[in-house]
Amino acid sequence: MKVVTGLGCPGCGLTRSVTSAAHAKLGEAFRYHIFGPAILLATVAAWFAFLIGRKVPIDHPRTAKILLGLVFVLMAYWIVRILLGAVP
């Protein structure tokens, strides 16, 4: 995306953020990307649900609305990062 638009992508820094959160370096994780720790928690919760045999309601009508809302928040966060010059 950076080659085409000159801007980093909305998820720029997420991998480093998740990795830092997994190593309990939360300050560092939030500096890379604010959603990294939340993604790590959601991933752990999904794995735990899988291990205990609980299904994640992917086809539930509210799931699409929740995901759309999360995409909206991610895009808003990306725009704020662009305006602040924080996107690499």
C-alpha atoms as a PDB file:
ATOM      1  CA  MET A   1       0.000   0.000   0.000  1.00  0.00           C
ATOM      2  CA  LYS A   2       2.853   2.368   0.770  1.00  0.00           C
ATOM      3  CA  VAL A   3       4.294   1.949  -2.728  1.00  0.00           C
ATOM      4  CA  VAL A   4       0.960   2.809  -4.351  1.00  0.00           C
ATOM      5  CA  THR A   5      -0.330   5.555  -2.020  1.00  0.00           C
ATOM      6  CA  GLY A   6       2.736   6.693  -0.108  1.00  0.00           C
ATOM      7  CA  LEU A   7       0.937   5.906   3.171  1.00  0.00           C
ATOM      8  CA  GLY A   8       1.323   2.973   5.521  1.00  0.00           C
ATOM      9  CA  CYS A   9      -1.630   0.594   5.715  1.00  0.00           C
ATOM     10  CA  PRO A  10      -4.254   0.695   8.504  1.00  0.00           C
ATOM     11  CA  GLY A  11      -2.697  -2.364  10.115  1.00  0.00           C
ATOM     12  CA  CYS A  12       0.850  -1.045   9.994  1.00  0.00           C
ATOM     13  CA  GLY A  13       2.511  -2.042  13.275  1.00  0.00           C
ATOM     14  CA  LEU A  14      -0.047  -4.681  14.257  1.00  0.00           C
ATOM     15  CA  THR A  15       2.339  -7.621  14.071  1.00  0.00           C
ATOM     16  CA  ARG A  16       4.907  -5.882  16.256  1.00  0.00           C
ATOM     17  CA  SER A  17       2.162  -4.750  18.610  1.00  0.00           C
ATOM     18  CA  VAL A  18       0.756  -8.265  19.041  1.00  0.00           C
ATOM     19  CA  THR A  19       4.263  -9.655  19.550  1.00  0.00           C
ATOM     20  CA  SER A  20       5.070  -7.009  22.169  1.00  0.00           C
ATOM     21  CA  ALA A  21       1.770  -7.671  23.958  1.00  0.00           C
ATOM     22  CA  ALA A  22       2.512 -11.406  23.966  1.00  0.00           C
ATOM     23  CA  HIS A  23       5.804 -10.598  25.688  1.00  0.00           C
ATOM     24  CA  ALA A  24       3.955  -8.447  28.275  1.00  0.00           C
ATOM     25  CA  LYS A  25       5.460  -5.201  26.926  1.00  0.00           C
ATOM     26  CA  LEU A  26       2.159  -3.334  26.823  1.00  0.00           C
ATOM     27  CA  GLY A  27       3.589   0.179  26.565  1.00  0.00           C
ATOM     28  CA  GLU A  28       5.595  -0.869  23.536  1.00  0.00           C
ATOM     29  CA  ALA A  29       2.591  -2.720  22.122  1.00  0.00           C
ATOM     30  CA  PHE A  30       0.374   0.368  22.336  1.00  0.00           C
ATOM     31  CA  ARG A  31       3.057   2.527  20.721  1.00  0.00           C
ATOM     32  CA  TYR A  32       3.169   0.228  17.693  1.00  0.00           C
ATOM     33  CA  HIS A  33      -0.626  -0.040  17.266  1.00  0.00           C
ATOM     34  CA  ILE A  34      -3.423   0.477  19.756  1.00  0.00           C
ATOM     35  CA  PHE A  35      -5.380  -2.595  18.578  1.00  0.00           C
ATOM     36  CA  GLY A  36      -2.536  -5.111  18.987  1.00  0.00           C
ATOM     37  CA  PRO A  37      -3.295  -6.119  22.594  1.00  0.00           C
ATOM     38  CA  ALA A  38      -7.020  -6.401  21.803  1.00  0.00           C
ATOM     39  CA  ILE A  39      -6.281  -8.659  18.836  1.00  0.00           C
ATOM     40  CA  LEU A  40      -4.074 -10.836  21.023  1.00  0.00           C
ATOM     41  CA  LEU A  41      -6.836 -11.114  23.645  1.00  0.00           C
ATOM     42  CA  ALA A  42      -9.455 -11.919  21.004  1.00  0.00           C
ATOM     43  CA  THR A  43      -7.209 -14.596  19.515  1.00  0.00           C
ATOM     44  CA  VAL A  44      -6.572 -16.194  22.917  1.00  0.00           C
ATOM     45  CA  ALA A  45     -10.312 -16.069  23.694  1.00  0.00           C
ATOM     46  CA  ALA A  46     -11.166 -17.701  20.352  1.00  0.00           C
ATOM     47  CA  TRP A  47      -8.615 -20.469  20.949  1.00  0.00           C
ATOM     48  CA  PHE A  48      -9.952 -21.012  24.461  1.00  0.00           C
ATOM     49  CA  ALA A  49     -13.511 -21.203  23.113  1.00  0.00           C
ATOM     50  CA  PHE A  50     -12.330 -23.725  20.528  1.00  0.00           C
ATOM     51  CA  LEU A  51     -10.584 -25.831  23.176  1.00  0.00           C
ATOM     52  CA  ILE A  52     -13.660 -26.047  25.388  1.00  0.00           C
ATOM     53  CA  GLY A  53     -15.875 -26.861  22.415  1.00  0.00           C
ATOM     54  CA  ARG A  54     -17.796 -23.591  22.247  1.00  0.00           C
ATOM     55  CA  LYS A  55     -18.565 -22.316  18.784  1.00  0.00           C
ATOM     56  CA  VAL A  56     -17.935 -18.696  17.885  1.00  0.00           C
ATOM     57  CA  PRO A  57     -21.193 -17.366  16.341  1.00  0.00           C
ATOM     58  CA  ILE A  58     -19.764 -16.266  12.986  1.00  0.00           C
ATOM     59  CA  ASP A  59     -23.116 -16.457  11.182  1.00  0.00           C
ATOM     60  CA  HIS A  60     -25.066 -14.531  13.838  1.00  0.00           C
ATOM     61  CA  PRO A  61     -26.783 -11.378  12.465  1.00  0.00           C
ATOM     62  CA  ARG A  62     -25.014  -9.123  14.976  1.00  0.00           C
ATOM     63  CA  THR A  63     -21.573 -10.425  13.995  1.00  0.00           C
ATOM     64  CA  ALA A  64     -21.574  -8.533  10.678  1.00  0.00           C
ATOM     65  CA  LYS A  65     -22.563  -5.301  12.454  1.00  0.00           C
ATOM     66  CA  ILE A  66     -19.853  -5.760  15.061  1.00  0.00           C
ATOM     67  CA  LEU A  67     -17.211  -6.458  12.407  1.00  0.00           C
ATOM     68  CA  LEU A  68     -18.334  -3.450  10.364  1.00  0.00           C
ATOM     69  CA  GLY A  69     -18.088  -1.294  13.474  1.00  0.00           C
ATOM     70  CA  LEU A  70     -14.579  -2.585  14.175  1.00  0.00           C
ATOM     71  CA  VAL A  71     -13.512  -1.818  10.599  1.00  0.00           C
ATOM     72  CA  PHE A  72     -14.927   1.700  10.976  1.00  0.00           C
ATOM     73  CA  VAL A  73     -12.989   2.235  14.221  1.00  0.00           C
ATOM     74  CA  LEU A  74      -9.793   0.881  12.626  1.00  0.00           C
ATOM     75  CA  MET A  75     -10.170   3.252   9.666  1.00  0.00           C
ATOM     76  CA  ALA A  76     -10.849   6.205  11.988  1.00  0.00           C
ATOM     77  CA  TYR A  77      -7.749   5.315  14.016  1.00  0.00           C
ATOM     78  CA  TRP A  78      -5.734   5.070  10.790  1.00  0.00           C
ATOM     79  CA  ILE A  79      -6.878   8.530   9.669  1.00  0.00           C
ATOM     80  CA  VAL A  80      -5.954  10.007  13.056  1.00  0.00           C
ATOM     81  CA  ARG A  81      -2.518   8.365  12.811  1.00  0.00           C
ATOM     82  CA  ILE A  82      -2.053   9.820   9.312  1.00  0.00           C
ATOM     83  CA  LEU A  83      -3.025  13.304  10.495  1.00  0.00           C
ATOM     84  CA  LEU A  84      -0.598  13.033  13.425  1.00  0.00           C
ATOM     85  CA  GLY A  85       2.168  11.696  11.210  1.00  0.00           C
ATOM     86  CA  ALA A  86       2.360   8.459  13.203  1.00  0.00           C
ATOM     87  CA  VAL A  87       1.960   6.018  10.296  1.00  0.00           C
ATOM     88  CA  PRO A  88       5.365   4.797   9.081  1.00  0.00           C
END
